[in-house]
Amino acid sequence: EISYRPRSRLASRDPEALHQIRVSLRRLRSAFSLFKPVSRTIRAESLSQAIKSAAEPFGRARNLDVFLE
C-alpha cells in the first residue's frame, strides 16, 4: 500500500508530491469510470465530479511548476 498522506503535508516544498496527489486523484476517478457499469448511481457520479473539482488546483499548481522549470 502506498500512502501519499505524509507527502501531501510537504506539497508546498516538494513539487513531486503535488504530482503524486494529482495522479492518485486521476486514478481514483478512473476506478469510478471502470466500475460505472456495476455502480450506476448518482452518488458515484457526483463523487467522481467532486474528485475532479478537488484535483483542479493540483493540476494548476503542477502546470505552474513545470512552467517555472
Protein backbone atom coordinates (compact mmCIF):
# COMPACT_ATOMS: atom_id res chain seq x y z
CA GLU A 1 0.00 0.00 0.00
CA ILE A 2 1.32 3.40 -1.00
CA SER A 3 0.30 6.38 1.10
CA TYR A 4 0.89 9.93 -0.06
CA ARG A 5 -0.64 11.49 3.08
CA PRO A 6 2.75 12.35 4.63
CA ARG A 7 3.95 13.77 1.32
CA SER A 8 0.83 15.89 0.93
CA ARG A 9 1.87 17.87 4.00
CA LEU A 10 5.13 18.67 2.24
CA ALA A 11 3.48 19.58 -1.07
CA SER A 12 4.40 23.23 -0.67
CA ARG A 13 8.07 22.22 -0.60
CA ASP A 14 8.03 19.15 -2.83
CA PRO A 15 6.58 19.57 -6.34
CA GLU A 16 6.66 15.79 -6.81
CA ALA A 17 4.11 15.47 -4.00
CA LEU A 18 1.69 17.67 -5.95
CA HIS A 19 2.16 15.46 -8.97
CA GLN A 20 1.58 12.27 -6.98
CA ILE A 21 -1.60 13.64 -5.39
CA ARG A 22 -2.87 14.63 -8.83
CA VAL A 23 -2.07 11.18 -10.23
CA SER A 24 -3.78 9.49 -7.29
CA LEU A 25 -6.97 11.50 -7.77
CA ARG A 26 -6.93 10.78 -11.51
CA ARG A 27 -6.56 7.05 -10.83
CA LEU A 28 -9.43 7.17 -8.36
CA ARG A 29 -11.65 8.78 -10.99
CA SER A 30 -10.56 6.11 -13.47
CA ALA A 31 -11.63 3.43 -11.00
CA PHE A 32 -15.07 5.04 -10.76
CA SER A 33 -15.26 5.04 -14.54
CA LEU A 34 -14.16 1.41 -14.75
CA PHE A 35 -16.83 0.25 -12.31
CA LYS A 36 -19.54 2.53 -13.67
CA PRO A 37 -21.46 -0.32 -15.34
CA VAL A 38 -21.98 -2.07 -12.00
CA SER A 39 -22.43 1.02 -9.84
CA ARG A 40 -24.71 3.27 -11.79
CA THR A 41 -25.65 5.58 -9.02
CA ILE A 42 -25.99 9.32 -8.90
CA ARG A 43 -23.81 9.30 -5.79
CA ALA A 44 -20.89 7.68 -7.63
CA GLU A 45 -21.15 10.23 -10.45
CA SER A 46 -21.33 13.16 -8.05
CA LEU A 47 -18.37 11.79 -6.09
CA SER A 48 -16.37 11.50 -9.29
CA GLN A 49 -17.19 15.12 -10.14
CA ALA A 50 -16.20 16.21 -6.63
CA ILE A 51 -12.85 14.44 -7.03
CA LYS A 52 -12.37 16.18 -10.37
CA SER A 53 -13.05 19.55 -8.76
CA ALA A 54 -10.69 18.77 -5.90
CA ALA A 55 -7.93 17.84 -8.35
CA GLU A 56 -8.09 21.07 -10.37
CA PRO A 57 -5.90 23.16 -8.03
CA PHE A 58 -3.29 20.41 -8.04
CA GLY A 59 -3.29 20.41 -11.83
CA ARG A 60 -2.84 24.17 -11.99
CA ALA A 61 -0.04 24.03 -9.41
CA ARG A 62 1.68 21.23 -11.31
CA ASN A 63 1.42 23.16 -14.59
CA LEU A 64 2.95 26.21 -12.92
CA ASP A 65 5.77 24.09 -11.51
CA VAL A 66 6.53 22.66 -14.95
CA PHE A 67 6.41 26.13 -16.47
CA LEU A 68 8.83 27.50 -13.87
CA GLU A 69 11.32 24.71 -14.52
